[in-house]
Amino acid sequence: GYIKKYINGYSTNENFLKKDTWVKELLNHMDNAYQRSKKYKDKTLSFT
């Protein structure tokens, strides 16, 4: 639910996932995600 604030219409159904617009938008912020995912590795919290 929280991710929908950033990705308009986000859904896990295949029709949504096939769209490339939301992925292209993620790519604009990839460096942030990369740095944050390396930083937040504590497996007692959310992590990736």
ModelCIF file with pLDDT and N, C-alpha, C, O atoms, coordinates in Angstrom:
data_MODEL
#
_entry.id   MODEL 
#
_entity.id                         1 
_entity.type                       polymer 
_entity.pdbx_number_of_molecules   1 
#
_entity_poly.entity_id                      1 
_entity_poly.type                           'polypeptide(L)' 
_entity_poly.nstd_linkage                   no 
_entity_poly.nstd_monomer                   no 
_entity_poly.pdbx_seq_one_letter_code       GYIKKYINGYSTNENFLKKDTWVKELLNHMDNAYQRSKKYKDKTLSFT 
_entity_poly.pdbx_seq_one_letter_code_can   GYIKKYINGYSTNENFLKKDTWVKELLNHMDNAYQRSKKYKDKTLSFT 
_entity_poly.pdbx_strand_id                 A 
#
loop_
_entity_poly_seq.entity_id 
_entity_poly_seq.num 
_entity_poly_seq.mon_id 
_entity_poly_seq.hetero 
1 1  GLY n 
1 2  TYR n 
1 3  ILE n 
1 4  LYS n 
1 5  LYS n 
1 6  TYR n 
1 7  ILE n 
1 8  ASN n 
1 9  GLY n 
1 10 TYR n 
1 11 SER n 
1 12 THR n 
1 13 ASN n 
1 14 GLU n 
1 15 ASN n 
1 16 PHE n 
1 17 LEU n 
1 18 LYS n 
1 19 LYS n 
1 20 ASP n 
1 21 THR n 
1 22 TRP n 
1 23 VAL n 
1 24 LYS n 
1 25 GLU n 
1 26 LEU n 
1 27 LEU n 
1 28 ASN n 
1 29 HIS n 
1 30 MET n 
1 31 ASP n 
1 32 ASN n 
1 33 ALA n 
1 34 TYR n 
1 35 GLN n 
1 36 ARG n 
1 37 SER n 
1 38 LYS n 
1 39 LYS n 
1 40 TYR n 
1 41 LYS n 
1 42 ASP n 
1 43 LYS n 
1 44 THR n 
1 45 LEU n 
1 46 SER n 
1 47 PHE n 
1 48 THR n 
#
_struct_asym.id          A 
_struct_asym.entity_id   1 
#
loop_
_ma_qa_metric.id 
_ma_qa_metric.mode 
_ma_qa_metric.name 
_ma_qa_metric.software_group_id 
_ma_qa_metric.type 
1 global pLDDT . pLDDT 
2 local  pLDDT . pLDDT 
#
_ma_qa_metric_global.metric_id      1 
_ma_qa_metric_global.metric_value   89.94 
_ma_qa_metric_global.model_id       1 
_ma_qa_metric_global.ordinal_id     1 
#
loop_
_ma_qa_metric_local.label_asym_id 
_ma_qa_metric_local.label_comp_id 
_ma_qa_metric_local.label_seq_id 
_ma_qa_metric_local.metric_id 
_ma_qa_metric_local.metric_value 
_ma_qa_metric_local.model_id 
_ma_qa_metric_local.ordinal_id 
A GLY 1  2 89.00 1 1  
A TYR 2  2 89.00 1 2  
A ILE 3  2 93.00 1 3  
A LYS 4  2 93.00 1 4  
A LYS 5  2 93.00 1 5  
A TYR 6  2 95.00 1 6  
A ILE 7  2 95.00 1 7  
A ASN 8  2 92.00 1 8  
A GLY 9  2 92.00 1 9  
A TYR 10 2 92.00 1 10 
A SER 11 2 90.00 1 11 
A THR 12 2 86.00 1 12 
A ASN 13 2 85.00 1 13 
A GLU 14 2 81.00 1 14 
A ASN 15 2 86.00 1 15 
A PHE 16 2 88.00 1 16 
A LEU 17 2 84.00 1 17 
A LYS 18 2 83.00 1 18 
A LYS 19 2 86.00 1 19 
A ASP 20 2 84.00 1 20 
A THR 21 2 89.00 1 21 
A TRP 22 2 89.00 1 22 
A VAL 23 2 87.00 1 23 
A LYS 24 2 88.00 1 24 
A GLU 25 2 91.00 1 25 
A LEU 26 2 90.00 1 26 
A LEU 27 2 89.00 1 27 
A ASN 28 2 91.00 1 28 
A HIS 29 2 93.00 1 29 
A MET 30 2 91.00 1 30 
A ASP 31 2 92.00 1 31 
A ASN 32 2 95.00 1 32 
A ALA 33 2 95.00 1 33 
A TYR 34 2 94.00 1 34 
A GLN 35 2 94.00 1 35 
A ARG 36 2 96.00 1 36 
A SER 37 2 95.00 1 37 
A LYS 38 2 93.00 1 38 
A LYS 39 2 93.00 1 39 
A TYR 40 2 91.00 1 40 
A LYS 41 2 86.00 1 41 
A ASP 42 2 82.00 1 42 
A LYS 43 2 82.00 1 43 
A THR 44 2 85.00 1 44 
A LEU 45 2 90.00 1 45 
A SER 46 2 92.00 1 46 
A PHE 47 2 94.00 1 47 
A THR 48 2 94.00 1 48 
#
loop_
_atom_site.group_PDB 
_atom_site.id 
_atom_site.type_symbol 
_atom_site.label_atom_id 
_atom_site.label_alt_id 
_atom_site.label_comp_id 
_atom_site.label_asym_id 
_atom_site.label_entity_id 
_atom_site.label_seq_id 
_atom_site.pdbx_PDB_ins_code 
_atom_site.Cartn_x 
_atom_site.Cartn_y 
_atom_site.Cartn_z 
_atom_site.occupancy 
_atom_site.B_iso_or_equiv 
_atom_site.pdbx_formal_charge 
_atom_site.auth_seq_id 
_atom_site.auth_comp_id 
_atom_site.auth_asym_id 
_atom_site.auth_atom_id 
_atom_site.pdbx_PDB_model_num 
ATOM 1   N N  . GLY A 1 1  ? 0.819  -1.206 0.000   1.00 89.00 ? 1  GLY A N  1 
ATOM 2   C CA . GLY A 1 1  ? 0.000  0.000  0.000   1.00 89.00 ? 1  GLY A CA 1 
ATOM 3   C C  . GLY A 1 1  ? 0.853  1.256  0.000   1.00 89.00 ? 1  GLY A C  1 
ATOM 4   O O  . GLY A 1 1  ? 0.526  2.241  -0.663  1.00 89.00 ? 1  GLY A O  1 
ATOM 5   N N  . TYR A 1 2  ? 1.939  1.215  0.741   1.00 89.00 ? 2  TYR A N  1 
ATOM 6   C CA . TYR A 1 2  ? 2.828  2.366  0.862   1.00 89.00 ? 2  TYR A CA 1 
ATOM 7   C C  . TYR A 1 2  ? 3.481  2.705  -0.477  1.00 89.00 ? 2  TYR A C  1 
ATOM 8   O O  . TYR A 1 2  ? 3.630  3.880  -0.813  1.00 89.00 ? 2  TYR A O  1 
ATOM 9   N N  . ILE A 1 3  ? 3.867  1.696  -1.236  1.00 93.00 ? 3  ILE A N  1 
ATOM 10  C CA . ILE A 1 3  ? 4.572  1.935  -2.506  1.00 93.00 ? 3  ILE A CA 1 
ATOM 11  C C  . ILE A 1 3  ? 3.672  2.628  -3.523  1.00 93.00 ? 3  ILE A C  1 
ATOM 12  O O  . ILE A 1 3  ? 4.161  3.266  -4.456  1.00 93.00 ? 3  ILE A O  1 
ATOM 13  N N  . LYS A 1 4  ? 2.374  2.507  -3.348  1.00 93.00 ? 4  LYS A N  1 
ATOM 14  C CA . LYS A 1 4  ? 1.432  3.165  -4.271  1.00 93.00 ? 4  LYS A CA 1 
ATOM 15  C C  . LYS A 1 4  ? 1.517  4.685  -4.191  1.00 93.00 ? 4  LYS A C  1 
ATOM 16  O O  . LYS A 1 4  ? 1.073  5.374  -5.110  1.00 93.00 ? 4  LYS A O  1 
ATOM 17  N N  . LYS A 1 5  ? 2.081  5.219  -3.108  1.00 93.00 ? 5  LYS A N  1 
ATOM 18  C CA . LYS A 1 5  ? 2.296  6.665  -3.023  1.00 93.00 ? 5  LYS A CA 1 
ATOM 19  C C  . LYS A 1 5  ? 3.305  7.128  -4.063  1.00 93.00 ? 5  LYS A C  1 
ATOM 20  O O  . LYS A 1 5  ? 3.278  8.281  -4.494  1.00 93.00 ? 5  LYS A O  1 
ATOM 21  N N  . TYR A 1 6  ? 4.189  6.233  -4.461  1.00 95.00 ? 6  TYR A N  1 
ATOM 22  C CA . TYR A 1 6  ? 5.263  6.585  -5.388  1.00 95.00 ? 6  TYR A CA 1 
ATOM 23  C C  . TYR A 1 6  ? 5.059  6.016  -6.792  1.00 95.00 ? 6  TYR A C  1 
ATOM 24  O O  . TYR A 1 6  ? 5.479  6.622  -7.777  1.00 95.00 ? 6  TYR A O  1 
ATOM 25  N N  . ILE A 1 7  ? 4.430  4.879  -6.877  1.00 95.00 ? 7  ILE A N  1 
ATOM 26  C CA . ILE A 1 7  ? 4.210  4.238  -8.175  1.00 95.00 ? 7  ILE A CA 1 
ATOM 27  C C  . ILE A 1 7  ? 2.711  4.214  -8.424  1.00 95.00 ? 7  ILE A C  1 
ATOM 28  O O  . ILE A 1 7  ? 1.992  3.375  -7.883  1.00 95.00 ? 7  ILE A O  1 
ATOM 29  N N  . ASN A 1 8  ? 2.257  5.134  -9.239  1.00 92.00 ? 8  ASN A N  1 
ATOM 30  C CA . ASN A 1 8  ? 0.835  5.301  -9.503  1.00 92.00 ? 8  ASN A CA 1 
ATOM 31  C C  . ASN A 1 8  ? 0.223  4.012  -10.074 1.00 92.00 ? 8  ASN A C  1 
ATOM 32  O O  . ASN A 1 8  ? 0.695  3.478  -11.078 1.00 92.00 ? 8  ASN A O  1 
ATOM 33  N N  . GLY A 1 9  ? -0.817 3.534  -9.423  1.00 92.00 ? 9  GLY A N  1 
ATOM 34  C CA . GLY A 1 9  ? -1.527 2.353  -9.902  1.00 92.00 ? 9  GLY A CA 1 
ATOM 35  C C  . GLY A 1 9  ? -0.808 1.045  -9.672  1.00 92.00 ? 9  GLY A C  1 
ATOM 36  O O  . GLY A 1 9  ? -1.172 0.032  -10.269 1.00 92.00 ? 9  GLY A O  1 
ATOM 37  N N  . TYR A 1 10 ? 0.214  1.037  -8.814  1.00 92.00 ? 10 TYR A N  1 
ATOM 38  C CA . TYR A 1 10 ? 1.020  -0.171 -8.617  1.00 92.00 ? 10 TYR A CA 1 
ATOM 39  C C  . TYR A 1 10 ? 0.149  -1.380 -8.299  1.00 92.00 ? 10 TYR A C  1 
ATOM 40  O O  . TYR A 1 10 ? -0.782 -1.308 -7.497  1.00 92.00 ? 10 TYR A O  1 
ATOM 41  N N  . SER A 1 11 ? 0.474  -2.479 -8.943  1.00 90.00 ? 11 SER A N  1 
ATOM 42  C CA . SER A 1 11 ? -0.225 -3.740 -8.732  1.00 90.00 ? 11 SER A CA 1 
ATOM 43  C C  . SER A 1 11 ? 0.735  -4.873 -9.065  1.00 90.00 ? 11 SER A C  1 
ATOM 44  O O  . SER A 1 11 ? 1.693  -4.681 -9.814  1.00 90.00 ? 11 SER A O  1 
ATOM 45  N N  . THR A 1 12 ? 0.482  -6.035 -8.518  1.00 86.00 ? 12 THR A N  1 
ATOM 46  C CA . THR A 1 12 ? 1.314  -7.189 -8.845  1.00 86.00 ? 12 THR A CA 1 
ATOM 47  C C  . THR A 1 12 ? 0.708  -8.025 -9.970  1.00 86.00 ? 12 THR A C  1 
ATOM 48  O O  . THR A 1 12 ? 1.211  -9.103 -10.287 1.00 86.00 ? 12 THR A O  1 
ATOM 49  N N  . ASN A 1 13 ? -0.373 -7.528 -10.571 1.00 85.00 ? 13 ASN A N  1 
ATOM 50  C CA . ASN A 1 13 ? -0.931 -8.305 -11.685 1.00 85.00 ? 13 ASN A CA 1 
ATOM 51  C C  . ASN A 1 13 ? -0.063 -8.116 -12.926 1.00 85.00 ? 13 ASN A C  1 
ATOM 52  O O  . ASN A 1 13 ? 0.603  -7.094 -13.085 1.00 85.00 ? 13 ASN A O  1 
ATOM 53  N N  . GLU A 1 14 ? -0.083 -9.107 -13.790 1.00 81.00 ? 14 GLU A N  1 
ATOM 54  C CA . GLU A 1 14 ? 0.820  -9.116 -14.942 1.00 81.00 ? 14 GLU A CA 1 
ATOM 55  C C  . GLU A 1 14 ? 0.582  -7.961 -15.899 1.00 81.00 ? 14 GLU A C  1 
ATOM 56  O O  . GLU A 1 14 ? 1.530  -7.488 -16.525 1.00 81.00 ? 14 GLU A O  1 
ATOM 57  N N  . ASN A 1 15 ? -0.650 -7.492 -16.034 1.00 86.00 ? 15 ASN A N  1 
ATOM 58  C CA . ASN A 1 15 ? -0.912 -6.353 -16.913 1.00 86.00 ? 15 ASN A CA 1 
ATOM 59  C C  . ASN A 1 15 ? -0.137 -5.120 -16.466 1.00 86.00 ? 15 ASN A C  1 
ATOM 60  O O  . ASN A 1 15 ? 0.431  -4.408 -17.294 1.00 86.00 ? 15 ASN A O  1 
ATOM 61  N N  . PHE A 1 16 ? -0.110 -4.865 -15.158 1.00 88.00 ? 16 PHE A N  1 
ATOM 62  C CA . PHE A 1 16 ? 0.654  -3.728 -14.663 1.00 88.00 ? 16 PHE A CA 1 
ATOM 63  C C  . PHE A 1 16 ? 2.155  -3.975 -14.801 1.00 88.00 ? 16 PHE A C  1 
ATOM 64  O O  . PHE A 1 16 ? 2.894  -3.102 -15.255 1.00 88.00 ? 16 PHE A O  1 
ATOM 65  N N  . LEU A 1 17 ? 2.596  -5.152 -14.411 1.00 84.00 ? 17 LEU A N  1 
ATOM 66  C CA . LEU A 1 17 ? 4.026  -5.448 -14.403 1.00 84.00 ? 17 LEU A CA 1 
ATOM 67  C C  . LEU A 1 17 ? 4.650  -5.381 -15.797 1.00 84.00 ? 17 LEU A C  1 
ATOM 68  O O  . LEU A 1 17 ? 5.846  -5.117 -15.922 1.00 84.00 ? 17 LEU A O  1 
ATOM 69  N N  . LYS A 1 18 ? 3.866  -5.613 -16.834 1.00 83.00 ? 18 LYS A N  1 
ATOM 70  C CA . LYS A 1 18 ? 4.380  -5.556 -18.203 1.00 83.00 ? 18 LYS A CA 1 
ATOM 71  C C  . LYS A 1 18 ? 4.638  -4.130 -18.686 1.00 83.00 ? 18 LYS A C  1 
ATOM 72  O O  . LYS A 1 18 ? 5.377  -3.925 -19.649 1.00 83.00 ? 18 LYS A O  1 
ATOM 73  N N  . LYS A 1 19 ? 4.038  -3.154 -18.028 1.00 86.00 ? 19 LYS A N  1 
ATOM 74  C CA . LYS A 1 19 ? 4.234  -1.755 -18.418 1.00 86.00 ? 19 LYS A CA 1 
ATOM 75  C C  . LYS A 1 19 ? 5.668  -1.341 -18.099 1.00 86.00 ? 19 LYS A C  1 
ATOM 76  O O  . LYS A 1 19 ? 6.218  -1.732 -17.070 1.00 86.00 ? 19 LYS A O  1 
ATOM 77  N N  . ASP A 1 20 ? 6.263  -0.558 -18.975 1.00 84.00 ? 20 ASP A N  1 
ATOM 78  C CA . ASP A 1 20 ? 7.640  -0.158 -18.725 1.00 84.00 ? 20 ASP A CA 1 
ATOM 79  C C  . ASP A 1 20 ? 7.775  1.220  -18.088 1.00 84.00 ? 20 ASP A C  1 
ATOM 80  O O  . ASP A 1 20 ? 8.865  1.582  -17.647 1.00 84.00 ? 20 ASP A O  1 
ATOM 81  N N  . THR A 1 21 ? 6.712  1.985  -18.028 1.00 89.00 ? 21 THR A N  1 
ATOM 82  C CA . THR A 1 21 ? 6.829  3.360  -17.506 1.00 89.00 ? 21 THR A CA 1 
ATOM 83  C C  . THR A 1 21 ? 7.253  3.378  -16.037 1.00 89.00 ? 21 THR A C  1 
ATOM 84  O O  . THR A 1 21 ? 8.092  4.194  -15.655 1.00 89.00 ? 21 THR A O  1 
ATOM 85  N N  . TRP A 1 22 ? 6.703  2.515  -15.225 1.00 89.00 ? 22 TRP A N  1 
ATOM 86  C CA . TRP A 1 22 ? 7.054  2.517  -13.811 1.00 89.00 ? 22 TRP A CA 1 
ATOM 87  C C  . TRP A 1 22 ? 8.490  2.037  -13.608 1.00 89.00 ? 22 TRP A C  1 
ATOM 88  O O  . TRP A 1 22 ? 9.167  2.487  -12.684 1.00 89.00 ? 22 TRP A O  1 
ATOM 89  N N  . VAL A 1 23 ? 8.958  1.132  -14.460 1.00 87.00 ? 23 VAL A N  1 
ATOM 90  C CA . VAL A 1 23 ? 10.335 0.647  -14.362 1.00 87.00 ? 23 VAL A CA 1 
ATOM 91  C C  . VAL A 1 23 ? 11.308 1.756  -14.779 1.00 87.00 ? 23 VAL A C  1 
ATOM 92  O O  . VAL A 1 23 ? 12.343 1.951  -14.143 1.00 87.00 ? 23 VAL A O  1 
ATOM 93  N N  . LYS A 1 24 ? 10.971 2.471  -15.842 1.00 88.00 ? 24 LYS A N  1 
ATOM 94  C CA . LYS A 1 24 ? 11.825 3.583  -16.279 1.00 88.00 ? 24 LYS A CA 1 
ATOM 95  C C  . LYS A 1 24 ? 11.942 4.632  -15.174 1.00 88.00 ? 24 LYS A C  1 
ATOM 96  O O  . LYS A 1 24 ? 13.011 5.210  -14.975 1.00 88.00 ? 24 LYS A O  1 
ATOM 97  N N  . GLU A 1 25 ? 10.861 4.875  -14.467 1.00 91.00 ? 25 GLU A N  1 
ATOM 98  C CA . GLU A 1 25 ? 10.901 5.826  -13.356 1.00 91.00 ? 25 GLU A CA 1 
ATOM 99  C C  . GLU A 1 25 ? 11.806 5.315  -12.230 1.00 91.00 ? 25 GLU A C  1 
ATOM 100 O O  . GLU A 1 25 ? 12.544 6.094  -11.629 1.00 91.00 ? 25 GLU A O  1 
ATOM 101 N N  . LEU A 1 26 ? 11.752 4.016  -11.945 1.00 90.00 ? 26 LEU A N  1 
ATOM 102 C CA . LEU A 1 26 ? 12.646 3.453  -10.929 1.00 90.00 ? 26 LEU A CA 1 
ATOM 103 C C  . LEU A 1 26 ? 14.109 3.663  -11.323 1.00 90.00 ? 26 LEU A C  1 
ATOM 104 O O  . LEU A 1 26 ? 14.944 3.979  -10.476 1.00 90.00 ? 26 LEU A O  1 
ATOM 105 N N  . LEU A 1 27 ? 14.413 3.489  -12.599 1.00 89.00 ? 27 LEU A N  1 
ATOM 106 C CA . LEU A 1 27 ? 15.796 3.643  -13.060 1.00 89.00 ? 27 LEU A CA 1 
ATOM 107 C C  . LEU A 1 27 ? 16.341 5.039  -12.799 1.00 89.00 ? 27 LEU A C  1 
ATOM 108 O O  . LEU A 1 27 ? 17.547 5.210  -12.619 1.00 89.00 ? 27 LEU A O  1 
ATOM 109 N N  . ASN A 1 28 ? 15.462 6.040  -12.776 1.00 91.00 ? 28 ASN A N  1 
ATOM 110 C CA . ASN A 1 28 ? 15.900 7.405  -12.471 1.00 91.00 ? 28 ASN A CA 1 
ATOM 111 C C  . ASN A 1 28 ? 16.407 7.544  -11.035 1.00 91.00 ? 28 ASN A C  1 
ATOM 112 O O  . ASN A 1 28 ? 17.111 8.502  -10.715 1.00 91.00 ? 28 ASN A O  1 
ATOM 113 N N  . HIS A 1 29 ? 16.057 6.608  -10.186 1.00 93.00 ? 29 HIS A N  1 
ATOM 114 C CA . HIS A 1 29 ? 16.414 6.674  -8.765  1.00 93.00 ? 29 HIS A CA 1 
ATOM 115 C C  . HIS A 1 29 ? 17.247 5.462  -8.326  1.00 93.00 ? 29 HIS A C  1 
ATOM 116 O O  . HIS A 1 29 ? 17.351 5.179  -7.132  1.00 93.00 ? 29 HIS A O  1 
ATOM 117 N N  . MET A 1 30 ? 17.832 4.757  -9.281  1.00 91.00 ? 30 MET A N  1 
ATOM 118 C CA . MET A 1 30 ? 18.534 3.503  -8.988  1.00 91.00 ? 30 MET A CA 1 
ATOM 119 C C  . MET A 1 30 ? 19.707 3.696  -8.030  1.00 91.00 ? 30 MET A C  1 
ATOM 120 O O  . MET A 1 30 ? 19.931 2.860  -7.154  1.00 91.00 ? 30 MET A O  1 
ATOM 121 N N  . ASP A 1 31 ? 20.443 4.768  -8.182  1.00 92.00 ? 31 ASP A N  1 
ATOM 122 C CA . ASP A 1 31 ? 21.587 4.979  -7.288  1.00 92.00 ? 31 ASP A CA 1 
ATOM 123 C C  . ASP A 1 31 ? 21.146 5.071  -5.828  1.00 92.00 ? 31 ASP A C  1 
ATOM 124 O O  . ASP A 1 31 ? 21.807 4.530  -4.942  1.00 92.00 ? 31 ASP A O  1 
ATOM 125 N N  . ASN A 1 32 ? 20.024 5.758  -5.578  1.00 95.00 ? 32 ASN A N  1 
ATOM 126 C CA . ASN A 1 32 ? 19.501 5.843  -4.212  1.00 95.00 ? 32 ASN A CA 1 
ATOM 127 C C  . ASN A 1 32 ? 19.189 4.455  -3.663  1.00 95.00 ? 32 ASN A C  1 
ATOM 128 O O  . ASN A 1 32 ? 19.582 4.119  -2.546  1.00 95.00 ? 32 ASN A O  1 
ATOM 129 N N  . ALA A 1 33 ? 18.494 3.665  -4.440  1.00 95.00 ? 33 ALA A N  1 
ATOM 130 C CA . ALA A 1 33 ? 18.094 2.334  -3.990  1.00 95.00 ? 33 ALA A CA 1 
ATOM 131 C C  . ALA A 1 33 ? 19.317 1.450  -3.744  1.00 95.00 ? 33 ALA A C  1 
ATOM 132 O O  . ALA A 1 33 ? 19.366 0.708  -2.764  1.00 95.00 ? 33 ALA A O  1 
ATOM 133 N N  . TYR A 1 34 ? 20.289 1.534  -4.628  1.00 94.00 ? 34 TYR A N  1 
ATOM 134 C CA . TYR A 1 34 ? 21.508 0.738  -4.476  1.00 94.00 ? 34 TYR A CA 1 
ATOM 135 C C  . TYR A 1 34 ? 22.214 1.092  -3.165  1.00 94.00 ? 34 TYR A C  1 
ATOM 136 O O  . TYR A 1 34 ? 22.544 0.207  -2.375  1.00 94.00 ? 34 TYR A O  1 
ATOM 137 N N  . GLN A 1 35 ? 22.441 2.370  -2.940  1.00 94.00 ? 35 GLN A N  1 
ATOM 138 C CA . GLN A 1 35 ? 23.146 2.793  -1.725  1.00 94.00 ? 35 GLN A CA 1 
ATOM 139 C C  . GLN A 1 35 ? 22.356 2.432  -0.471  1.00 94.00 ? 35 GLN A C  1 
ATOM 140 O O  . GLN A 1 35 ? 22.929 1.964  0.512   1.00 94.00 ? 35 GLN A O  1 
ATOM 141 N N  . ARG A 1 36 ? 21.066 2.644  -0.504  1.00 96.00 ? 36 ARG A N  1 
ATOM 142 C CA . ARG A 1 36 ? 20.232 2.338  0.667   1.00 96.00 ? 36 ARG A CA 1 
ATOM 143 C C  . ARG A 1 36 ? 20.159 0.846  0.939   1.00 96.00 ? 36 ARG A C  1 
ATOM 144 O O  . ARG A 1 36 ? 20.183 0.433  2.098   1.00 96.00 ? 36 ARG A O  1 
ATOM 145 N N  . SER A 1 37 ? 20.070 0.033  -0.097  1.00 95.00 ? 37 SER A N  1 
ATOM 146 C CA . SER A 1 37 ? 19.977 -1.417 0.128   1.00 95.00 ? 37 SER A CA 1 
ATOM 147 C C  . SER A 1 37 ? 21.276 -1.962 0.702   1.00 95.00 ? 37 SER A C  1 
ATOM 148 O O  . SER A 1 37 ? 21.250 -2.902 1.496   1.00 95.00 ? 37 SER A O  1 
ATOM 149 N N  . LYS A 1 38 ? 22.407 -1.392 0.317   1.00 93.00 ? 38 LYS A N  1 
ATOM 150 C CA . LYS A 1 38 ? 23.687 -1.796 0.922   1.00 93.00 ? 38 LYS A CA 1 
ATOM 151 C C  . LYS A 1 38 ? 23.759 -1.355 2.377   1.00 93.00 ? 38 LYS A C  1 
ATOM 152 O O  . LYS A 1 38 ? 24.323 -2.054 3.219   1.00 93.00 ? 38 LYS A O  1 
ATOM 153 N N  . LYS A 1 39 ? 23.196 -0.213 2.664   1.00 93.00 ? 39 LYS A N  1 
ATOM 154 C CA . LYS A 1 39 ? 23.245 0.373  4.001   1.00 93.00 ? 39 LYS A CA 1 
ATOM 155 C C  . LYS A 1 39 ? 22.336 -0.375 4.979   1.00 93.00 ? 39 LYS A C  1 
ATOM 156 O O  . LYS A 1 39 ? 22.696 -0.565 6.141   1.00 93.00 ? 39 LYS A O  1 
ATOM 157 N N  . TYR A 1 40 ? 21.163 -0.798 4.512   1.00 91.00 ? 40 TYR A N  1 
ATOM 158 C CA . TYR A 1 40 ? 20.155 -1.409 5.382   1.00 91.00 ? 40 TYR A CA 1 
ATOM 159 C C  . TYR A 1 40 ? 20.117 -2.916 5.181   1.00 91.00 ? 40 TYR A C  1 
ATOM 160 O O  . TYR A 1 40 ? 19.232 -3.441 4.506   1.00 91.00 ? 40 TYR A O  1 
ATOM 161 N N  . LYS A 1 41 ? 21.086 -3.606 5.773   1.00 86.00 ? 41 LYS A N  1 
ATOM 162 C CA . LYS A 1 41 ? 21.186 -5.060 5.603   1.00 86.00 ? 41 LYS A CA 1 
ATOM 163 C C  . LYS A 1 41 ? 20.762 -5.837 6.851   1.00 86.00 ? 41 LYS A C  1 
ATOM 164 O O  . LYS A 1 41 ? 20.886 -7.061 6.890   1.00 86.00 ? 41 LYS A O  1 
ATOM 165 N N  . ASP A 1 42 ? 20.268 -5.138 7.859   1.00 82.00 ? 42 ASP A N  1 
ATOM 166 C CA . ASP A 1 42 ? 19.872 -5.772 9.116   1.00 82.00 ? 42 ASP A CA 1 
ATOM 167 C C  . ASP A 1 42 ? 18.669 -6.669 8.866   1.00 82.00 ? 42 ASP A C  1 
ATOM 168 O O  . ASP A 1 42 ? 17.580 -6.180 8.564   1.00 82.00 ? 42 ASP A O  1 
ATOM 169 N N  . LYS A 1 43 ? 18.858 -7.968 8.989   1.00 82.00 ? 43 LYS A N  1 
ATOM 170 C CA . LYS A 1 43 ? 17.788 -8.917 8.672   1.00 82.00 ? 43 LYS A CA 1 
ATOM 171 C C  . LYS A 1 43 ? 16.692 -8.975 9.742   1.00 82.00 ? 43 LYS A C  1 
ATOM 172 O O  . LYS A 1 43 ? 15.725 -9.722 9.589   1.00 82.00 ? 43 LYS A O  1 
ATOM 173 N N  . THR A 1 44 ? 16.829 -8.197 10.825  1.00 85.00 ? 44 THR A N  1 
ATOM 174 C CA . THR A 1 44 ? 15.729 -8.115 11.789  1.00 85.00 ? 44 THR A CA 1 
ATOM 175 C C  . THR A 1 44 ? 14.726 -7.042 11.365  1.00 85.00 ? 44 THR A C  1 
ATOM 176 O O  . THR A 1 44 ? 13.634 -6.958 11.927  1.00 85.00 ? 44 THR A O  1 
ATOM 177 N N  . LEU A 1 45 ? 15.093 -6.221 10.375  1.00 90.00 ? 45 LEU A N  1 
ATOM 178 C CA . LEU A 1 45 ? 14.208 -5.194 9.829   1.00 90.00 ? 45 LEU A CA 1 
ATOM 179 C C  . LEU A 1 45 ? 13.884 -5.575 8.381   1.00 90.00 ? 45 LEU A C  1 
ATOM 180 O O  . LEU A 1 45 ? 14.262 -6.651 7.917   1.00 90.00 ? 45 LEU A O  1 
ATOM 181 N N  . SER A 1 46 ? 13.199 -4.706 7.688   1.00 92.00 ? 46 SER A N  1 
ATOM 182 C CA . SER A 1 46 ? 13.019 -4.935 6.253   1.00 92.00 ? 46 SER A CA 1 
ATOM 183 C C  . SER A 1 46 ? 14.374 -4.760 5.576   1.00 92.00 ? 46 SER A C  1 
ATOM 184 O O  . SER A 1 46 ? 15.164 -3.900 5.967   1.00 92.00 ? 46 SER A O  1 
ATOM 185 N N  . PHE A 1 47 ? 14.637 -5.578 4.560   1.00 94.00 ? 47 PHE A N  1 
ATOM 186 C CA . PHE A 1 47 ? 15.909 -5.506 3.848   1.00 94.00 ? 47 PHE A CA 1 
ATOM 187 C C  . PHE A 1 47 ? 15.717 -6.060 2.440   1.00 94.00 ? 47 PHE A C  1 
ATOM 188 O O  . PHE A 1 47 ? 14.712 -6.703 2.138   1.00 94.00 ? 47 PHE A O  1 
ATOM 189 N N  . THR A 1 48 ? 16.699 -5.798 1.594   1.00 94.00 ? 48 THR A N  1 
ATOM 190 C CA . THR A 1 48 ? 16.743 -6.410 0.275   1.00 94.00 ? 48 THR A CA 1 
ATOM 191 C C  . THR A 1 48 ? 18.197 -6.650 -0.104  1.00 94.00 ? 48 THR A C  1 
ATOM 192 O O  . THR A 1 48 ? 18.476 -7.164 -1.188  1.00 94.00 ? 48 THR A O  1 
#
